[in-house]
Every structure is written in C-alpha cells, then in structure tokens.
Amino acid sequence: MSGTWERELDEAARELDRADTLAFGGVGLAGQMLPATEAYRRLEQGLREHPEAARKRVDKLLRKGSPAGRAYAATLLEAVDPAAGRAAWTWLRDDDGEFTTFSGCLMGRATLGEYAADRLAGHAGN
C-alpha cells in the first residue's frame, strides 16, 4: 500500500498533467493560487523530501504532460538538476502546444516552444 506522500505526489502529477495555465504565484487581483501552482509546489517539495520518487513523476510529466505541465516539469528539473533542465528546455523549444501564462495580474498566451526559448535565453522567470 502506498504512503500518503506517494498519493500526494501522484495527485500533484495528475493535476499538472492536465494543467492549461502556468503560474508560479497567486494570480489576479485577489492573488488566487491555482490548483496547478499548488501541485507544482507539492512536487517541488517532493523533490526535496523524496527525490527519486518525485523525479520519476516529473520525468513522466515532461514526456507526456500537457504543454503547461511539461513547462512545470522542465522548471522543476531545472531547479534540482540544471543540466537536465537545460536539456529539457532544448527538447521543448520546437513544441507548438499552447497554454495560458500568469504573472500576477497579467495574463498571456505562449507556445511551449516560445517559453522554452525564453528560458534558454534566461528571460522567463518563475
């Protein structure tokens, strides 16, 4: 039987797998935290507390997730393994899948390829 932390990692990965919005903090005037952002934070914590188990979920998300989910996965990889993160962004820069972005109150749209190119150039933040 899997532990609570394993179920939480699975739930977080599933949430990011279907994410259509990329936001690393609160959004809108109220600063509401999106479910995907909360899931990102759970996986981020999982990488610190259960690195091997969380990394497997992040790697799978990178390969099979939604465009926003793959961007979250590459960002997580970049934080724990900069070389793997750079390789992920390089691999994703030709992907034309689209998602919504939020930076505070500012909403936008991007393709995964555009976002990856910005990350490789050092322009996109989290």
C-alpha atoms as a PDB file:
ATOM      1  CA  MET A   1       0.000   0.000   0.000  1.00  0.00           C
ATOM      2  CA  SER A   2       1.417   3.360  -0.959  1.00  0.00           C
ATOM      3  CA  GLY A   3       2.002   6.047   1.628  1.00  0.00           C
ATOM      4  CA  THR A   4       0.276   9.391   1.924  1.00  0.00           C
ATOM      5  CA  TRP A   5       3.238  11.217   0.407  1.00  0.00           C
ATOM      6  CA  GLU A   6       3.161   8.908  -2.632  1.00  0.00           C
ATOM      7  CA  ARG A   7      -0.544   9.585  -3.175  1.00  0.00           C
ATOM      8  CA  GLU A   8       0.098  13.322  -2.829  1.00  0.00           C
ATOM      9  CA  LEU A   9       2.864  13.152  -5.449  1.00  0.00           C
ATOM     10  CA  ASP A  10       0.579  11.179  -7.770  1.00  0.00           C
ATOM     11  CA  GLU A  11      -2.252  13.697  -7.314  1.00  0.00           C
ATOM     12  CA  ALA A  12       0.116  16.615  -7.948  1.00  0.00           C
ATOM     13  CA  ALA A  13       1.461  14.970 -11.104  1.00  0.00           C
ATOM     14  CA  ARG A  14      -2.079  14.302 -12.356  1.00  0.00           C
ATOM     15  CA  GLU A  15      -3.046  17.935 -11.737  1.00  0.00           C
ATOM     16  CA  LEU A  16      -0.034  19.178 -13.706  1.00  0.00           C
ATOM     17  CA  ASP A  17      -0.641  16.598 -16.419  1.00  0.00           C
ATOM     18  CA  ARG A  18      -3.907  18.345 -17.291  1.00  0.00           C
ATOM     19  CA  ALA A  19      -2.841  21.924 -16.484  1.00  0.00           C
ATOM     20  CA  ASP A  20      -3.603  24.562 -19.108  1.00  0.00           C
ATOM     21  CA  THR A  21      -2.189  27.543 -17.200  1.00  0.00           C
ATOM     22  CA  LEU A  22       1.337  28.268 -15.992  1.00  0.00           C
ATOM     23  CA  ALA A  23       1.590  30.420 -12.873  1.00  0.00           C
ATOM     24  CA  PHE A  24       4.173  30.267 -10.093  1.00  0.00           C
ATOM     25  CA  GLY A  25       2.366  32.527  -7.627  1.00  0.00           C
ATOM     26  CA  GLY A  26      -1.042  33.983  -6.938  1.00  0.00           C
ATOM     27  CA  VAL A  27      -2.983  35.300  -9.922  1.00  0.00           C
ATOM     28  CA  GLY A  28      -5.438  38.099 -10.485  1.00  0.00           C
ATOM     29  CA  LEU A  29      -6.222  40.989  -8.184  1.00  0.00           C
ATOM     30  CA  ALA A  30      -7.046  38.612  -5.325  1.00  0.00           C
ATOM     31  CA  GLY A  31      -3.789  36.683  -5.757  1.00  0.00           C
ATOM     32  CA  GLN A  32      -5.654  33.376  -6.002  1.00  0.00           C
ATOM     33  CA  MET A  33      -3.463  30.280  -6.018  1.00  0.00           C
ATOM     34  CA  LEU A  34      -4.341  27.977  -8.918  1.00  0.00           C
ATOM     35  CA  PRO A  35      -4.588  24.207  -8.336  1.00  0.00           C
ATOM     36  CA  ALA A  36      -1.710  23.682 -10.788  1.00  0.00           C
ATOM     37  CA  THR A  37       0.502  26.088  -8.832  1.00  0.00           C
ATOM     38  CA  GLU A  38      -0.269  24.230  -5.619  1.00  0.00           C
ATOM     39  CA  ALA A  39       0.520  20.927  -7.373  1.00  0.00           C
ATOM     40  CA  TYR A  40       3.810  22.375  -8.636  1.00  0.00           C
ATOM     41  CA  ARG A  41       4.734  23.297  -5.080  1.00  0.00           C
ATOM     42  CA  ARG A  42       3.867  19.796  -3.824  1.00  0.00           C
ATOM     43  CA  LEU A  43       6.151  18.241  -6.448  1.00  0.00           C
ATOM     44  CA  GLU A  44       8.843  20.798  -5.653  1.00  0.00           C
ATOM     45  CA  GLN A  45       8.659  19.750  -2.001  1.00  0.00           C
ATOM     46  CA  GLY A  46       8.593  16.096  -3.061  1.00  0.00           C
ATOM     47  CA  LEU A  47      11.861  16.567  -4.934  1.00  0.00           C
ATOM     48  CA  ARG A  48      13.448  17.694  -1.658  1.00  0.00           C
ATOM     49  CA  GLU A  49      11.873  15.052   0.576  1.00  0.00           C
ATOM     50  CA  HIS A  50      11.547  12.047  -1.767  1.00  0.00           C
ATOM     51  CA  PRO A  51      13.854  12.873  -4.674  1.00  0.00           C
ATOM     52  CA  GLU A  52      13.810   9.547  -6.507  1.00  0.00           C
ATOM     53  CA  ALA A  53      10.029   9.052  -6.392  1.00  0.00           C
ATOM     54  CA  ALA A  54       9.288  12.676  -7.290  1.00  0.00           C
ATOM     55  CA  ARG A  55      11.843  12.695 -10.115  1.00  0.00           C
ATOM     56  CA  LYS A  56      10.131   9.701 -11.757  1.00  0.00           C
ATOM     57  CA  ARG A  57       6.840  11.614 -11.775  1.00  0.00           C
ATOM     58  CA  VAL A  58       8.494  14.776 -13.097  1.00  0.00           C
ATOM     59  CA  ASP A  59      10.248  12.838 -15.873  1.00  0.00           C
ATOM     60  CA  LYS A  60       6.956  11.221 -16.928  1.00  0.00           C
ATOM     61  CA  LEU A  61       5.205  14.606 -16.839  1.00  0.00           C
ATOM     62  CA  LEU A  62       7.926  16.050 -19.060  1.00  0.00           C
ATOM     63  CA  ARG A  63       7.329  13.325 -21.641  1.00  0.00           C
ATOM     64  CA  LYS A  64       3.539  13.046 -21.548  1.00  0.00           C
ATOM     65  CA  GLY A  65       2.002  16.066 -19.823  1.00  0.00           C
ATOM     66  CA  SER A  66       0.011  18.954 -21.225  1.00  0.00           C
ATOM     67  CA  PRO A  67       2.092  21.835 -22.616  1.00  0.00           C
ATOM     68  CA  ALA A  68       1.772  23.722 -19.312  1.00  0.00           C
ATOM     69  CA  GLY A  69       2.530  20.505 -17.420  1.00  0.00           C
ATOM     70  CA  ARG A  70       5.703  19.974 -19.430  1.00  0.00           C
ATOM     71  CA  ALA A  71       6.760  23.565 -18.692  1.00  0.00           C
ATOM     72  CA  TYR A  72       6.211  22.947 -14.975  1.00  0.00           C
ATOM     73  CA  ALA A  73       8.227  19.705 -15.240  1.00  0.00           C
ATOM     74  CA  ALA A  74      11.149  21.391 -17.010  1.00  0.00           C
ATOM     75  CA  THR A  75      11.134  24.164 -14.407  1.00  0.00           C
ATOM     76  CA  LEU A  76      11.242  21.578 -11.607  1.00  0.00           C
ATOM     77  CA  LEU A  77      14.119  19.752 -13.318  1.00  0.00           C
ATOM     78  CA  GLU A  78      15.984  22.998 -13.817  1.00  0.00           C
ATOM     79  CA  ALA A  79      15.829  23.672 -10.068  1.00  0.00           C
ATOM     80  CA  VAL A  80      17.262  20.300  -8.996  1.00  0.00           C
ATOM     81  CA  ASP A  81      19.480  19.447 -11.984  1.00  0.00           C
ATOM     82  CA  PRO A  82      20.379  22.475 -14.132  1.00  0.00           C
ATOM     83  CA  ALA A  83      21.892  20.342 -16.910  1.00  0.00           C
ATOM     84  CA  ALA A  84      18.740  18.183 -17.128  1.00  0.00           C
ATOM     85  CA  GLY A  85      16.621  21.337 -17.053  1.00  0.00           C
ATOM     86  CA  ARG A  86      18.559  22.870 -19.923  1.00  0.00           C
ATOM     87  CA  ALA A  87      18.272  19.631 -21.894  1.00  0.00           C
ATOM     88  CA  ALA A  88      14.512  19.610 -21.256  1.00  0.00           C
ATOM     89  CA  TRP A  89      14.098  23.221 -22.409  1.00  0.00           C
ATOM     90  CA  THR A  90      16.190  22.458 -25.513  1.00  0.00           C
ATOM     91  CA  TRP A  91      13.982  19.452 -26.299  1.00  0.00           C
ATOM     92  CA  LEU A  92      10.801  21.526 -25.797  1.00  0.00           C
ATOM     93  CA  ARG A  93      11.741  24.570 -27.865  1.00  0.00           C
ATOM     94  CA  ASP A  94      10.139  23.183 -31.036  1.00  0.00           C
ATOM     95  CA  ASP A  95       6.838  22.295 -29.325  1.00  0.00           C
ATOM     96  CA  ASP A  96       3.887  24.366 -30.581  1.00  0.00           C
ATOM     97  CA  GLY A  97       1.470  23.394 -27.783  1.00  0.00           C
ATOM     98  CA  GLU A  98      -0.120  26.483 -26.227  1.00  0.00           C
ATOM     99  CA  PHE A  99      -1.004  27.473 -22.686  1.00  0.00           C
ATOM    100  CA  THR A 100      -2.039  30.485 -20.659  1.00  0.00           C
ATOM    101  CA  THR A 101       0.555  32.261 -18.538  1.00  0.00           C
ATOM    102  CA  PHE A 102       0.054  34.424 -15.490  1.00  0.00           C
ATOM    103  CA  SER A 103       2.462  36.776 -13.822  1.00  0.00           C
ATOM    104  CA  GLY A 104       0.468  38.373 -11.031  1.00  0.00           C
ATOM    105  CA  CYS A 105      -2.451  40.127 -12.708  1.00  0.00           C
ATOM    106  CA  LEU A 106      -1.013  39.844 -16.206  1.00  0.00           C
ATOM    107  CA  MET A 107      -2.407  37.037 -18.329  1.00  0.00           C
ATOM    108  CA  GLY A 108      -0.862  35.958 -21.616  1.00  0.00           C
ATOM    109  CA  ARG A 109      -0.562  33.064 -24.039  1.00  0.00           C
ATOM    110  CA  ALA A 110       2.560  31.283 -25.175  1.00  0.00           C
ATOM    111  CA  THR A 111       3.600  28.199 -27.019  1.00  0.00           C
ATOM    112  CA  LEU A 112       5.793  25.782 -25.149  1.00  0.00           C
ATOM    113  CA  GLY A 113       8.498  26.403 -27.747  1.00  0.00           C
ATOM    114  CA  GLU A 114       8.416  30.175 -27.176  1.00  0.00           C
ATOM    115  CA  TYR A 115       8.509  29.708 -23.424  1.00  0.00           C
ATOM    116  CA  ALA A 116      11.376  27.197 -23.688  1.00  0.00           C
ATOM    117  CA  ALA A 117      13.374  29.574 -25.913  1.00  0.00           C
ATOM    118  CA  ASP A 118      12.877  32.338 -23.338  1.00  0.00           C
ATOM    119  CA  ARG A 119      14.054  30.033 -20.548  1.00  0.00           C
ATOM    120  CA  LEU A 120      17.130  29.071 -22.541  1.00  0.00           C
ATOM    121  CA  ALA A 121      17.839  32.761 -23.146  1.00  0.00           C
ATOM    122  CA  GLY A 122      17.396  33.456 -19.430  1.00  0.00           C
ATOM    123  CA  HIS A 123      14.320  35.697 -19.864  1.00  0.00           C
ATOM    124  CA  ALA A 124      11.424  33.743 -18.352  1.00  0.00           C
ATOM    125  CA  GLY A 125      11.163  33.708 -14.605  1.00  0.00           C
ATOM    126  CA  ASN A 126       9.415  31.549 -12.089  1.00  0.00           C
END
